[in-house]
Protein backbone atom coordinates (compact mmCIF):
# COMPACT_ATOMS: atom_id res chain seq x y z
CA MET A 1 -2.52 -37.79 -55.63
CA ARG A 2 -4.15 -34.69 -57.39
CA LEU A 3 -7.21 -35.66 -55.08
CA PHE A 4 -4.94 -36.12 -52.21
CA CYS A 5 -3.66 -32.97 -52.76
CA PHE A 6 -6.86 -30.65 -53.59
CA LEU A 7 -8.54 -32.45 -50.04
CA LEU A 8 -5.22 -31.52 -48.33
CA PHE A 9 -4.67 -27.89 -49.56
CA GLY A 10 -8.98 -27.77 -48.45
CA LEU A 11 -8.31 -28.98 -45.39
CA SER A 12 -5.51 -26.72 -44.71
CA ILE A 13 -7.48 -23.71 -46.15
CA GLN A 14 -10.73 -24.98 -43.68
CA PHE A 15 -8.32 -24.72 -40.62
CA CYS A 16 -7.04 -21.38 -41.13
CA LEU A 17 -10.32 -20.13 -41.43
CA SER A 18 -11.39 -21.70 -38.74
CA GLN A 19 -8.55 -19.74 -36.74
CA ASP A 20 -9.23 -16.81 -37.77
CA ILE A 21 -12.45 -16.79 -36.64
CA LEU A 22 -12.05 -17.73 -33.42
CA SER A 23 -9.26 -14.97 -33.21
CA VAL A 24 -12.02 -12.52 -34.24
CA ASP A 25 -14.36 -14.23 -31.48
CA ILE A 26 -12.57 -14.19 -28.68
CA ASP A 27 -10.78 -11.14 -27.52
CA ASP A 28 -7.79 -12.02 -24.76
CA ARG A 29 -8.04 -8.30 -24.32
CA TYR A 30 -11.44 -7.96 -23.01
CA ARG A 31 -12.42 -6.10 -20.37
CA GLU A 32 -15.58 -5.67 -17.90
CA ASP A 33 -18.69 -3.66 -16.87
CA GLN A 34 -17.87 -0.51 -18.00
CA PHE A 35 -21.90 0.63 -17.54
CA TYR A 36 -23.82 0.65 -14.24
CA ALA A 37 -27.11 1.17 -12.53
CA SER A 38 -28.47 0.75 -9.05
CA ILE A 39 -31.54 0.92 -6.51
CA THR A 40 -31.04 1.25 -3.45
CA TYR A 41 -32.43 1.31 0.31
CA ASN A 42 -31.73 4.17 2.30
CA LEU A 43 -31.13 4.48 5.97
CA LEU A 44 -29.59 6.58 8.60
CA ILE A 45 -27.29 5.91 10.97
CA ASP A 46 -25.64 7.24 13.73
CA ASN A 47 -28.34 9.77 14.20
CA PRO A 48 -28.69 11.93 17.05
CA SER A 49 -31.30 10.62 20.05
CA ASN A 50 -34.72 11.26 19.01
CA ILE A 51 -33.93 10.75 15.12
CA SER A 52 -34.84 7.74 13.31
CA SER A 53 -35.36 7.26 10.06
CA THR A 54 -39.27 6.86 8.64
CA ASP A 55 -40.82 5.05 5.50
CA PHE A 56 -39.06 3.47 2.59
CA SER A 57 -36.09 6.03 1.28
CA SER A 58 -34.88 5.22 -1.74
CA GLY A 59 -31.63 6.35 -4.54
CA PHE A 60 -30.98 5.73 -8.04
CA HIS A 61 -27.20 5.75 -9.22
CA PHE A 62 -26.20 6.01 -13.08
CA GLY A 63 -22.45 5.61 -14.30
CA PHE A 64 -19.34 4.51 -16.25
CA ILE A 65 -16.40 2.60 -14.97
CA ARG A 66 -13.26 1.99 -16.31
CA ASP A 67 -11.72 -1.52 -15.95
CA MET A 68 -8.32 -2.18 -16.03
CA PRO A 69 -7.60 -6.02 -15.63
CA ILE A 70 -4.07 -5.74 -13.71
CA ASN A 71 -3.14 -9.77 -14.64
CA TYR A 72 -2.84 -11.80 -17.33
CA LYS A 73 -5.96 -13.95 -17.22
CA ARG A 74 -7.55 -10.53 -16.59
CA ASN A 75 -9.85 -11.78 -13.30
CA TRP A 76 -8.34 -9.46 -11.05
CA SER A 77 -8.80 -5.42 -11.83
CA ILE A 78 -8.85 -1.84 -11.10
CA GLY A 79 -12.14 0.05 -11.85
CA LEU A 80 -12.53 3.93 -11.69
CA GLY A 81 -15.91 5.96 -12.99
CA PHE A 82 -17.62 8.56 -13.34
CA GLY A 83 -21.40 8.46 -12.27
CA ILE A 84 -24.60 10.35 -10.52
CA SER A 85 -27.09 9.37 -7.77
CA SER A 86 -29.94 10.72 -6.11
CA ASN A 87 -30.51 9.85 -2.62
CA SER A 88 -33.57 10.77 -0.60
CA TYR A 89 -34.08 10.61 3.05
CA ASN A 90 -37.76 9.88 5.20
CA GLN A 91 -36.77 10.99 8.80
CA ASP A 92 -38.02 12.70 11.81
CA LEU A 93 -35.39 15.75 11.65
CA TYR A 94 -37.02 18.73 10.86
CA ILE A 95 -35.28 21.21 8.51
CA THR A 96 -36.74 24.54 8.59
CA GLU A 97 -35.04 28.40 7.89
CA ASN A 98 -35.51 31.08 10.30
CA THR A 99 -34.14 34.78 9.02
CA ASN A 100 -32.13 33.10 5.83
CA GLU A 101 -30.50 30.47 8.42
CA ILE A 102 -31.16 26.80 8.29
CA ALA A 103 -32.27 25.48 11.66
CA PHE A 104 -33.12 21.98 13.08
CA THR A 105 -35.44 20.60 15.67
CA ASP A 106 -36.83 17.04 16.61
CA SER A 107 -40.13 18.60 18.04
CA GLU A 108 -43.46 18.48 16.02
CA VAL A 109 -45.04 20.44 18.06
CA SER A 110 -45.27 23.58 15.79
CA PHE A 111 -45.98 21.43 13.52
CA GLY A 112 -48.89 20.01 13.73
CA ASN A 113 -49.61 16.46 11.92
CA VAL A 114 -46.42 15.72 10.11
CA THR A 115 -47.10 14.27 6.76
CA LYS A 116 -44.34 14.23 4.71
CA ASN A 117 -40.50 14.65 6.05
CA LYS A 118 -37.84 13.98 3.94
CA PHE A 119 -34.28 15.56 2.41
CA THR A 120 -33.18 14.52 -1.04
CA THR A 121 -29.44 14.89 -2.06
CA TYR A 122 -28.10 14.76 -5.75
CA LEU A 123 -24.59 13.86 -6.30
CA ILE A 124 -21.75 13.42 -8.64
CA ASP A 125 -19.80 9.94 -8.35
CA ILE A 126 -15.90 8.70 -8.13
CA PRO A 127 -16.58 5.34 -7.34
CA PHE A 128 -12.85 3.17 -7.14
CA GLU A 129 -13.23 -0.53 -6.86
CA LEU A 130 -10.42 -3.68 -6.54
CA ARG A 131 -12.32 -6.18 -8.60
CA TRP A 132 -12.33 -10.10 -8.51
CA ARG A 133 -14.26 -12.19 -10.90
CA THR A 134 -14.52 -15.28 -12.63
CA SER A 135 -15.26 -14.13 -16.33
CA ASN A 136 -13.51 -15.08 -18.79
CA ALA A 137 -13.45 -13.27 -22.78
CA THR A 138 -16.87 -15.78 -23.86
CA ASN A 139 -18.64 -16.38 -20.45
CA TYR A 140 -20.95 -13.45 -19.42
CA LYS A 141 -22.33 -14.79 -16.56
CA PHE A 142 -19.91 -14.79 -13.71
CA TRP A 143 -19.25 -14.60 -9.68
CA ARG A 144 -17.70 -11.32 -8.86
CA ILE A 145 -16.72 -9.69 -5.70
CA TYR A 146 -16.03 -5.80 -5.80
CA PRO A 147 -14.72 -3.83 -2.95
CA GLY A 148 -14.40 -0.09 -3.16
CA PHE A 149 -14.25 3.36 -2.10
CA LYS A 150 -16.32 6.21 -2.92
CA PHE A 151 -16.38 10.05 -3.54
CA SER A 152 -18.94 12.11 -3.84
CA TYR A 153 -19.37 15.48 -4.39
CA LEU A 154 -22.87 17.41 -3.66
CA VAL A 155 -24.71 19.69 -6.42
CA PHE A 156 -27.98 20.03 -5.44
CA SER A 157 -29.76 19.81 -1.84
CA SER A 158 -33.50 19.77 -1.50
CA SER A 159 -36.04 19.19 1.69
CA ARG A 160 -39.71 19.00 1.91
CA LEU A 161 -41.71 19.28 5.43
CA GLU A 162 -45.68 18.88 5.11
CA SER A 163 -47.80 19.34 8.11
CA GLU A 164 -51.16 20.22 9.45
CA PHE A 165 -49.90 23.82 9.53
CA GLN A 166 -46.55 24.23 7.68
CA ASP A 167 -45.56 23.48 3.84
CA ILE A 168 -41.53 23.88 3.79
CA LYS A 169 -39.77 23.71 0.72
CA LEU A 170 -36.00 24.13 0.75
CA SER A 171 -33.22 23.97 -1.71
CA ASN A 172 -29.78 24.41 -2.00
CA ILE A 173 -28.91 23.91 1.72
CA ASP A 174 -25.65 24.94 2.77
CA ALA A 175 -26.19 22.46 5.97
CA PHE A 176 -25.05 19.50 3.97
CA ASN A 177 -21.40 18.25 3.69
CA ARG A 178 -20.44 19.31 0.08
CA LEU A 179 -17.74 16.14 0.35
CA GLN A 180 -18.96 13.16 1.03
CA TYR A 181 -17.08 9.67 1.31
CA GLY A 182 -17.78 5.98 2.08
CA LEU A 183 -16.52 2.16 2.08
CA THR A 184 -18.72 -0.37 -0.87
CA LEU A 185 -18.95 -3.38 -1.61
CA SER A 186 -20.83 -5.23 -4.83
CA ALA A 187 -21.33 -8.91 -5.09
CA GLY A 188 -23.04 -11.33 -6.84
CA TYR A 189 -23.66 -13.79 -9.92
CA GLY A 190 -24.67 -12.45 -13.90
CA THR A 191 -27.16 -9.30 -14.29
CA TRP A 192 -28.23 -9.37 -9.98
CA ASN A 193 -26.01 -8.44 -7.52
CA PHE A 194 -26.18 -6.82 -3.75
CA GLN A 195 -24.68 -3.76 -3.06
CA ILE A 196 -23.44 -1.90 -0.09
CA TYR A 197 -22.98 1.57 0.76
CA TYR A 198 -21.55 2.94 4.32
CA GLY A 199 -20.93 6.59 4.82
CA LEU A 200 -17.62 7.09 6.70
CA ASN A 201 -18.38 10.98 7.59
CA PRO A 202 -21.56 12.53 8.80
CA ILE A 203 -23.89 13.95 5.70
CA PHE A 204 -24.25 17.32 7.55
CA ASP A 205 -21.40 19.86 8.25
CA ASP A 206 -19.99 20.75 11.47
CA THR A 207 -22.05 23.94 11.70
CA SER A 208 -25.53 21.57 11.67
CA LEU A 209 -26.68 21.20 15.16
CA LEU A 210 -29.30 19.63 16.77
CA ASN A 211 -29.91 20.53 20.64
CA GLY A 212 -26.52 22.19 20.54
CA GLN A 213 -25.09 18.67 19.34
CA SER A 214 -23.50 18.29 16.30
CA ILE A 215 -25.77 16.42 14.24
CA ASP A 216 -23.32 13.30 13.05
CA SER A 217 -26.09 11.05 10.83
CA LYS A 218 -24.12 9.03 7.94
CA ALA A 219 -25.78 7.15 5.24
CA LEU A 220 -26.52 3.24 4.93
CA ARG A 221 -27.48 2.07 1.40
CA ILE A 222 -28.49 -1.21 0.47
CA GLY A 223 -29.82 -2.44 -2.82
CA VAL A 224 -29.06 -4.04 -6.26
CA MET A 225 -26.40 -3.51 -8.50
CA PHE A 226 -26.43 -4.17 -12.07
CA TYR A 227 -23.70 -4.13 -14.50
CA ILE A 228 -23.84 -3.22 -18.41
CA LEU A 229 -20.89 -3.98 -20.72
């Protein structure tokens, strides 16, 4: 009888310990995808006639997103974050400065053979996402679909034009829109995720003209996104 009671007591302790371990290991208040890093291929769309992207243009994006689940299963959530990014665009829109004023042209006659022509924007990003995923507290590889919206504020800009006759470097160009915004979508499984950004407003402001017409070029960025807990 004493042996039976001893065994029963031992099993009870083991059960309680196992329950405590499970309660420690499994977090029913878990959150997902706090940090992100992204590499993108950048394009310009809705350009004036005779203007197009040239060569390879890249973007680098880093930031933090606060994951806020909105249902009991925690597979739906809202993400709100803060990040920084740099985006370069190689194209044939030539940016120059004439008596302290920015000018645009689509003709390279006065430059000779152009070997490099690009502009770069450096942004502070505020991403907002509606998140759906197949995750749980113990599964770190899962499907995700995150549509969203991103506000960006321009903090610095530069352009570089290298040609046979001239080498023009400009910085803090007033012709860019300070506030830029667009639609985003991230989707994938596990570490590798597809990402796209579609700009809704022009990169250049209303005072930027090419041959008397406004420059309505918008950003289209396609790449891969890495989410990190």
